């Protein structure tokens, strides 16, 4: 089964192949070289999802103390910040 390469180097994966591999929009695919010089496309393993706690732990401590409530209110009112 043949497909045409666009000027951007893109190809459309035929529906039969997408269905056989379970490829849906957003899926990742891998290309590897076979022993006879062929290129093999396969569905990439799904990334493991982080738990909410892992996501929070990853960003914890990135933001500084920030502005106080009085500073935020002064900023939104256009008052000079002390």
PDB file of N, CA and C in Angstrom:
ATOM      1  N   UNK A   1       0.855  -1.167   0.000  1.00  0.00           N
ATOM      2  CA  UNK A   1       0.000   0.000   0.000  1.00  0.00           C
ATOM      3  C   UNK A   1       0.897   1.224   0.000  1.00  0.00           C
ATOM      4  N   UNK A   2       0.708   2.090  -0.938  1.00  0.00           N
ATOM      5  CA  UNK A   2       1.553   3.269  -1.111  1.00  0.00           C
ATOM      6  C   UNK A   2       0.810   4.526  -0.666  1.00  0.00           C
ATOM      7  N   UNK A   3       1.566   5.522  -0.274  1.00  0.00           N
ATOM      8  CA  UNK A   3       1.016   6.821   0.080  1.00  0.00           C
ATOM      9  C   UNK A   3       1.994   7.884  -0.413  1.00  0.00           C
ATOM     10  N   UNK A   4       1.546   9.102  -0.570  1.00  0.00           N
ATOM     11  CA  UNK A   4       2.369  10.178  -1.126  1.00  0.00           C
ATOM     12  C   UNK A   4       2.924  11.053  -0.013  1.00  0.00           C
ATOM     13  N   UNK A   5       4.181  11.439  -0.150  1.00  0.00           N
ATOM     14  CA  UNK A   5       4.834  12.327   0.813  1.00  0.00           C
ATOM     15  C   UNK A   5       4.581  13.768   0.374  1.00  0.00           C
ATOM     16  N   UNK A   6       4.156  14.615   1.315  1.00  0.00           N
ATOM     17  CA  UNK A   6       3.922  16.028   1.008  1.00  0.00           C
ATOM     18  C   UNK A   6       5.236  16.787   0.997  1.00  0.00           C
ATOM     19  N   UNK A   7       5.188  18.061   0.605  1.00  0.00           N
ATOM     20  CA  UNK A   7       6.395  18.901   0.606  1.00  0.00           C
ATOM     21  C   UNK A   7       6.975  19.031   2.007  1.00  0.00           C
ATOM     22  N   UNK A   8       6.144  18.930   3.031  1.00  0.00           N
ATOM     23  CA  UNK A   8       6.605  19.028   4.418  1.00  0.00           C
ATOM     24  C   UNK A   8       7.131  17.694   4.946  1.00  0.00           C
ATOM     25  N   UNK A   9       7.127  16.664   4.123  1.00  0.00           N
ATOM     26  CA  UNK A   9       7.606  15.358   4.563  1.00  0.00           C
ATOM     27  C   UNK A   9       6.562  14.561   5.323  1.00  0.00           C
ATOM     28  N   UNK A  10       5.306  14.932   5.205  1.00  0.00           N
ATOM     29  CA  UNK A  10       4.228  14.256   5.910  1.00  0.00           C
ATOM     30  C   UNK A  10       3.562  13.224   5.020  1.00  0.00           C
ATOM     31  N   UNK A  11       3.037  12.187   5.659  1.00  0.00           N
ATOM     32  CA  UNK A  11       2.268  11.176   4.939  1.00  0.00           C
ATOM     33  C   UNK A  11       0.986  10.894   5.718  1.00  0.00           C
ATOM     34  N   UNK A  12      -0.015  10.412   5.023  1.00  0.00           N
ATOM     35  CA  UNK A  12      -1.241   9.971   5.675  1.00  0.00           C
ATOM     36  C   UNK A  12      -1.105   8.475   5.913  1.00  0.00           C
ATOM     37  N   UNK A  13      -1.301   8.060   7.152  1.00  0.00           N
ATOM     38  CA  UNK A  13      -1.262   6.635   7.468  1.00  0.00           C
ATOM     39  C   UNK A  13      -2.606   6.057   7.048  1.00  0.00           C
ATOM     40  N   UNK A  14      -2.609   5.060   6.172  1.00  0.00           N
ATOM     41  CA  UNK A  14      -3.876   4.497   5.716  1.00  0.00           C
ATOM     42  C   UNK A  14      -4.738   4.000   6.880  1.00  0.00           C
ATOM     43  N   UNK A  15      -6.045   4.126   6.722  1.00  0.00           N
ATOM     44  CA  UNK A  15      -6.992   3.761   7.785  1.00  0.00           C
ATOM     45  C   UNK A  15      -6.811   2.317   8.240  1.00  0.00           C
ATOM     46  N   UNK A  16      -6.573   1.402   7.306  1.00  0.00           N
ATOM     47  CA  UNK A  16      -6.378  -0.010   7.703  1.00  0.00           C
ATOM     48  C   UNK A  16      -5.207  -0.158   8.662  1.00  0.00           C
ATOM     49  N   UNK A  17      -4.139   0.591   8.413  1.00  0.00           N
ATOM     50  CA  UNK A  17      -2.958   0.524   9.277  1.00  0.00           C
ATOM     51  C   UNK A  17      -3.268   1.169  10.631  1.00  0.00           C
ATOM     52  N   UNK A  18      -3.915   2.354  10.609  1.00  0.00           N
ATOM     53  CA  UNK A  18      -4.285   3.018  11.869  1.00  0.00           C
ATOM     54  C   UNK A  18      -5.158   2.111  12.718  1.00  0.00           C
ATOM     55  N   UNK A  19      -6.149   1.488  12.079  1.00  0.00           N
ATOM     56  CA  UNK A  19      -7.046   0.589  12.817  1.00  0.00           C
ATOM     57  C   UNK A  19      -6.297  -0.614  13.384  1.00  0.00           C
ATOM     58  N   UNK A  20      -5.399  -1.198  12.578  1.00  0.00           N
ATOM     59  CA  UNK A  20      -4.659  -2.382  13.019  1.00  0.00           C
ATOM     60  C   UNK A  20      -3.749  -2.070  14.207  1.00  0.00           C
ATOM     61  N   UNK A  21      -3.175  -0.860  14.219  1.00  0.00           N
ATOM     62  CA  UNK A  21      -2.254  -0.484  15.298  1.00  0.00           C
ATOM     63  C   UNK A  21      -2.943   0.244  16.442  1.00  0.00           C
ATOM     64  N   UNK A  22      -4.217   0.600  16.263  1.00  0.00           N
ATOM     65  CA  UNK A  22      -4.920   1.349  17.312  1.00  0.00           C
ATOM     66  C   UNK A  22      -4.454   2.788  17.394  1.00  0.00           C
ATOM     67  N   UNK A  23      -4.071   3.351  16.265  1.00  0.00           N
ATOM     68  CA  UNK A  23      -3.595   4.735  16.238  1.00  0.00           C
ATOM     69  C   UNK A  23      -4.787   5.665  16.088  1.00  0.00           C
ATOM     70  N   UNK A  24      -4.885   6.610  17.024  1.00  0.00           N
ATOM     71  CA  UNK A  24      -5.952   7.616  17.015  1.00  0.00           C
ATOM     72  C   UNK A  24      -5.285   8.992  17.061  1.00  0.00           C
ATOM     73  N   UNK A  25      -6.025  10.061  16.796  1.00  0.00           N
ATOM     74  CA  UNK A  25      -5.407  11.391  16.878  1.00  0.00           C
ATOM     75  C   UNK A  25      -4.716  11.587  18.234  1.00  0.00           C
ATOM     76  N   UNK A  26      -3.489  12.056  18.180  1.00  0.00           N
ATOM     77  CA  UNK A  26      -2.708  12.265  19.400  1.00  0.00           C
ATOM     78  C   UNK A  26      -1.789  11.100  19.734  1.00  0.00           C
ATOM     79  N   UNK A  27      -1.972   9.956  19.057  1.00  0.00           N
ATOM     80  CA  UNK A  27      -1.097   8.808  19.293  1.00  0.00           C
ATOM     81  C   UNK A  27       0.311   9.130  18.823  1.00  0.00           C
ATOM     82  N   UNK A  28       1.292   8.501  19.431  1.00  0.00           N
ATOM     83  CA  UNK A  28       2.679   8.641  19.009  1.00  0.00           C
ATOM     84  C   UNK A  28       3.077   7.360  18.295  1.00  0.00           C
ATOM     85  N   UNK A  29       3.920   7.491  17.277  1.00  0.00           N
ATOM     86  CA  UNK A  29       4.418   6.330  16.546  1.00  0.00           C
ATOM     87  C   UNK A  29       5.946   6.364  16.564  1.00  0.00           C
ATOM     88  N   UNK A  30       6.545   5.192  16.421  1.00  0.00           N
ATOM     89  CA  UNK A  30       7.997   5.067  16.382  1.00  0.00           C
ATOM     90  C   UNK A  30       8.418   4.486  15.043  1.00  0.00           C
ATOM     91  N   UNK A  31       9.597   4.867  14.582  1.00  0.00           N
ATOM     92  CA  UNK A  31      10.176   4.309  13.368  1.00  0.00           C
ATOM     93  C   UNK A  31      11.499   3.663  13.748  1.00  0.00           C
ATOM     94  N   UNK A  32      11.668   2.402  13.378  1.00  0.00           N
ATOM     95  CA  UNK A  32      12.908   1.680  13.642  1.00  0.00           C
ATOM     96  C   UNK A  32      13.390   1.033  12.355  1.00  0.00           C
ATOM     97  N   UNK A  33      14.678   0.716  12.305  1.00  0.00           N
ATOM     98  CA  UNK A  33      15.256   0.050  11.136  1.00  0.00           C
ATOM     99  C   UNK A  33      15.211  -1.451  11.347  1.00  0.00           C
ATOM    100  N   UNK A  34      14.763  -2.163  10.333  1.00  0.00           N
ATOM    101  CA  UNK A  34      14.753  -3.619  10.365  1.00  0.00           C
ATOM    102  C   UNK A  34      16.089  -4.170   9.892  1.00  0.00           C
ATOM    103  N   UNK A  35      16.283  -5.458  10.082  1.00  0.00           N
ATOM    104  CA  UNK A  35      17.559  -6.089   9.730  1.00  0.00           C
ATOM    105  C   UNK A  35      17.817  -6.119   8.229  1.00  0.00           C
ATOM    106  N   UNK A  36      16.765  -6.050   7.423  1.00  0.00           N
ATOM    107  CA  UNK A  36      16.922  -6.080   5.967  1.00  0.00           C
ATOM    108  C   UNK A  36      16.910  -4.669   5.361  1.00  0.00           C
ATOM    109  N   UNK A  37      17.073  -3.642   6.217  1.00  0.00           N
ATOM    110  CA  UNK A  37      17.100  -2.269   5.729  1.00  0.00           C
ATOM    111  C   UNK A  37      15.744  -1.607   5.647  1.00  0.00           C
ATOM    112  N   UNK A  38      14.679  -2.331   5.999  1.00  0.00           N
ATOM    113  CA  UNK A  38      13.344  -1.738   5.952  1.00  0.00           C
ATOM    114  C   UNK A  38      13.129  -0.847   7.175  1.00  0.00           C
ATOM    115  N   UNK A  39      12.178   0.041   7.069  1.00  0.00           N
ATOM    116  CA  UNK A  39      11.788   0.909   8.178  1.00  0.00           C
ATOM    117  C   UNK A  39      10.467   0.382   8.714  1.00  0.00           C
ATOM    118  N   UNK A  40      10.402   0.216  10.015  1.00  0.00           N
ATOM    119  CA  UNK A  40       9.210  -0.346  10.660  1.00  0.00           C
ATOM    120  C   UNK A  40       8.556   0.742  11.499  1.00  0.00           C
ATOM    121  N   UNK A  41       7.266   0.962  11.254  1.00  0.00           N
ATOM    122  CA  UNK A  41       6.503   1.911  12.047  1.00  0.00           C
ATOM    123  C   UNK A  41       5.656   1.126  13.031  1.00  0.00           C
ATOM    124  N   UNK A  42       5.659   1.572  14.285  1.00  0.00           N
ATOM    125  CA  UNK A  42       4.823   0.927  15.295  1.00  0.00           C
ATOM    126  C   UNK A  42       4.261   1.995  16.224  1.00  0.00           C
ATOM    127  N   UNK A  43       3.206   1.639  16.909  1.00  0.00           N
ATOM    128  CA  UNK A  43       2.621   2.557  17.875  1.00  0.00           C
ATOM    129  C   UNK A  43       3.564   2.638  19.064  1.00  0.00           C
ATOM    130  N   UNK A  44       3.902   3.858  19.485  1.00  0.00           N
ATOM    131  CA  UNK A  44       4.797   4.045  20.622  1.00  0.00           C
ATOM    132  C   UNK A  44       4.059   3.685  21.905  1.00  0.00           C
ATOM    133  N   UNK A  45       4.780   3.174  22.883  1.00  0.00           N
ATOM    134  CA  UNK A  45       4.124   2.860  24.155  1.00  0.00           C
ATOM    135  C   UNK A  45       3.527   4.127  24.761  1.00  0.00           C
ATOM    136  N   UNK A  46       2.395   3.978  25.380  1.00  0.00           N
ATOM    137  CA  UNK A  46       1.734   5.123  26.003  1.00  0.00           C
ATOM    138  C   UNK A  46       2.560   5.586  27.200  1.00  0.00           C
ATOM    139  N   UNK A  47       2.672   6.899  27.335  1.00  0.00           N
ATOM    140  CA  UNK A  47       3.386   7.451  28.483  1.00  0.00           C
ATOM    141  C   UNK A  47       2.575   7.192  29.741  1.00  0.00           C
ATOM    142  N   UNK A  48       3.273   6.938  30.815  1.00  0.00           N
ATOM    143  CA  UNK A  48       2.557   6.722  32.065  1.00  0.00           C
ATOM    144  C   UNK A  48       2.056   8.059  32.574  1.00  0.00           C
ATOM    145  N   UNK A  49       0.857   8.067  33.075  1.00  0.00           N
ATOM    146  CA  UNK A  49       0.263   9.298  33.579  1.00  0.00           C
ATOM    147  C   UNK A  49       0.693   9.525  35.008  1.00  0.00           C
ATOM    148  N   UNK A  50       1.021  10.753  35.319  1.00  0.00           N
ATOM    149  CA  UNK A  50       1.400  11.106  36.680  1.00  0.00           C
ATOM    150  C   UNK A  50       0.140  11.317  37.509  1.00  0.00           C
ATOM    151  N   UNK A  51       0.238  10.988  38.772  1.00  0.00           N
ATOM    152  CA  UNK A  51      -0.878  11.252  39.672  1.00  0.00           C
ATOM    153  C   UNK A  51      -0.912  12.749  39.965  1.00  0.00           C
ATOM    154  N   UNK A  52      -2.025  13.209  40.513  1.00  0.00           N
ATOM    155  CA  UNK A  52      -2.146  14.625  40.857  1.00  0.00           C
ATOM    156  C   UNK A  52      -1.065  15.017  41.857  1.00  0.00           C
ATOM    157  N   UNK A  53      -0.791  14.167  42.815  1.00  0.00           N
ATOM    158  CA  UNK A  53       0.234  14.461  43.819  1.00  0.00           C
ATOM    159  C   UNK A  53       1.611  14.597  43.174  1.00  0.00           C
ATOM    160  N   UNK A  54       1.913  13.755  42.176  1.00  0.00           N
ATOM    161  CA  UNK A  54       3.207  13.837  41.484  1.00  0.00           C
ATOM    162  C   UNK A  54       3.312  15.134  40.692  1.00  0.00           C
ATOM    163  N   UNK A  55       2.213  15.535  40.063  1.00  0.00           N
ATOM    164  CA  UNK A  55       2.231  16.782  39.294  1.00  0.00           C
ATOM    165  C   UNK A  55       2.435  17.987  40.207  1.00  0.00           C
ATOM    166  N   UNK A  56       1.771  17.990  41.356  1.00  0.00           N
ATOM    167  CA  UNK A  56       1.911  19.099  42.310  1.00  0.00           C
ATOM    168  C   UNK A  56       3.332  19.114  42.872  1.00  0.00           C
ATOM    169  N   UNK A  57       3.862  17.951  43.228  1.00  0.00           N
ATOM    170  CA  UNK A  57       5.208  17.875  43.785  1.00  0.00           C
ATOM    171  C   UNK A  57       6.241  18.404  42.791  1.00  0.00           C
ATOM    172  N   UNK A  58       5.998  18.170  41.521  1.00  0.00           N
ATOM    173  CA  UNK A  58       6.942  18.599  40.490  1.00  0.00           C
ATOM    174  C   UNK A  58       7.043  20.119  40.401  1.00  0.00           C
ATOM    175  N   UNK A  59       5.958  20.832  40.649  1.00  0.00           N
ATOM    176  CA  UNK A  59       5.986  22.292  40.539  1.00  0.00           C
ATOM    177  C   UNK A  59       6.065  22.998  41.887  1.00  0.00           C
ATOM    178  N   UNK A  60       6.011  22.257  42.969  1.00  0.00           N
ATOM    179  CA  UNK A  60       6.055  22.862  44.293  1.00  0.00           C
ATOM    180  C   UNK A  60       7.343  23.652  44.465  1.00  0.00           C
ATOM    181  N   UNK A  61       7.220  24.857  44.988  1.00  0.00           N
ATOM    182  CA  UNK A  61       8.378  25.685  45.260  1.00  0.00           C
ATOM    183  C   UNK A  61       8.847  26.528  44.089  1.00  0.00           C
ATOM    184  N   UNK A  62       8.171  26.457  42.951  1.00  0.00           N
ATOM    185  CA  UNK A  62       8.608  27.236  41.788  1.00  0.00           C
ATOM    186  C   UNK A  62       8.240  28.709  41.957  1.00  0.00           C
ATOM    187  N   UNK A  63       7.041  28.980  42.422  1.00  0.00           N
ATOM    188  CA  UNK A  63       6.586  30.364  42.582  1.00  0.00           C
ATOM    189  C   UNK A  63       7.113  30.935  43.891  1.00  0.00           C
ATOM    190  N   UNK A  64       7.407  32.216  43.870  1.00  0.00           N
ATOM    191  CA  UNK A  64       7.849  32.884  45.090  1.00  0.00           C
ATOM    192  C   UNK A  64       6.653  33.249  45.950  1.00  0.00           C
ATOM    193  N   UNK A  65       6.891  34.031  46.984  1.00  0.00           N
ATOM    194  CA  UNK A  65       5.787  34.383  47.884  1.00  0.00           C
ATOM    195  C   UNK A  65       4.719  35.245  47.220  1.00  0.00           C
ATOM    196  N   UNK A  66       5.067  35.966  46.158  1.00  0.00           N
ATOM    197  CA  UNK A  66       4.070  36.765  45.454  1.00  0.00           C
ATOM    198  C   UNK A  66       3.710  38.040  46.180  1.00  0.00           C
ATOM    199  N   UNK A  67       2.639  38.675  45.705  1.00  0.00           N
ATOM    200  CA  UNK A  67       2.206  39.937  46.292  1.00  0.00           C
ATOM    201  C   UNK A  67       1.214  39.673  47.417  1.00  0.00           C
ATOM    202  N   UNK A  68       1.160  40.626  48.325  1.00  0.00           N
ATOM    203  CA  UNK A  68       0.167  40.544  49.391  1.00  0.00           C
ATOM    204  C   UNK A  68      -1.196  40.945  48.819  1.00  0.00           C
ATOM    205  N   UNK A  69      -2.235  40.694  49.571  1.00  0.00           N
ATOM    206  CA  UNK A  69      -3.581  41.070  49.132  1.00  0.00           C
ATOM    207  C   UNK A  69      -3.677  42.572  48.935  1.00  0.00           C
ATOM    208  N   UNK A  70      -3.081  43.349  49.854  1.00  0.00           N
ATOM    209  CA  UNK A  70      -3.114  44.811  49.724  1.00  0.00           C
ATOM    210  C   UNK A  70      -2.401  45.265  48.450  1.00  0.00           C
ATOM    211  N   UNK A  71      -1.283  44.625  48.103  1.00  0.00           N
ATOM    212  CA  UNK A  71      -0.565  44.992  46.891  1.00  0.00           C
ATOM    213  C   UNK A  71      -1.384  44.667  45.639  1.00  0.00           C
ATOM    214  N   UNK A  72      -2.066  43.537  45.646  1.00  0.00           N
ATOM    215  CA  UNK A  72      -2.909  43.159  44.505  1.00  0.00           C
ATOM    216  C   UNK A  72      -4.055  44.144  44.360  1.00  0.00           C
ATOM    217  N   UNK A  73      -4.699  44.492  45.471  1.00  0.00           N
ATOM    218  CA  UNK A  73      -5.825  45.436  45.428  1.00  0.00           C
ATOM    219  C   UNK A  73      -5.362  46.801  44.935  1.00  0.00           C
ATOM    220  N   UNK A  74      -4.203  47.273  45.401  1.00  0.00           N
ATOM    221  CA  UNK A  74      -3.675  48.563  44.959  1.00  0.00           C
ATOM    222  C   UNK A  74      -3.376  48.524  43.466  1.00  0.00           C
ATOM    223  N   UNK A  75      -2.820  47.415  43.006  1.00  0.00           N
ATOM    224  CA  UNK A  75      -2.495  47.276  41.582  1.00  0.00           C
ATOM    225  C   UNK A  75      -3.760  47.314  40.728  1.00  0.00           C
ATOM    226  N   UNK A  76      -4.806  46.612  41.143  1.00  0.00           N
ATOM    227  CA  UNK A  76      -6.034  46.567  40.351  1.00  0.00           C
ATOM    228  C   UNK A  76      -6.786  47.893  40.392  1.00  0.00           C
ATOM    229  N   UNK A  77      -6.613  48.658  41.460  1.00  0.00           N
ATOM    230  CA  UNK A  77      -7.276  49.960  41.564  1.00  0.00           C
ATOM    231  C   UNK A  77      -6.479  51.064  40.883  1.00  0.00           C
ATOM    232  N   UNK A  78      -5.205  50.776  40.573  1.00  0.00           N
ATOM    233  CA  UNK A  78      -4.353  51.804  39.992  1.00  0.00           C
ATOM    234  C   UNK A  78      -3.707  52.676  41.041  1.00  0.00           C
ATOM    235  N   UNK A  79      -3.811  52.286  42.321  1.00  0.00           N
ATOM    236  CA  UNK A  79      -3.182  53.050  43.404  1.00  0.00           C
ATOM    237  C   UNK A  79      -1.670  52.818  43.383  1.00  0.00           C
ATOM    238  N   UNK A  80      -0.903  53.772  43.867  1.00  0.00           N
ATOM    239  CA  UNK A  80       0.539  53.533  43.955  1.00  0.00           C
ATOM    240  C   UNK A  80       0.836  52.444  44.984  1.00  0.00           C
ATOM    241  N   UNK A  81       1.768  51.583  44.667  1.00  0.00           N
ATOM    242  CA  UNK A  81       2.152  50.491  45.577  1.00  0.00           C
ATOM    243  C   UNK A  81       3.184  51.020  46.537  1.00  0.00           C
ATOM    244  N   UNK A  82       2.979  50.781  47.809  1.00  0.00           N
ATOM    245  CA  UNK A  82       3.903  51.281  48.826  1.00  0.00           C
ATOM    246  C   UNK A  82       5.090  50.385  48.972  1.00  0.00           C
TER     247      UNK A  82
END
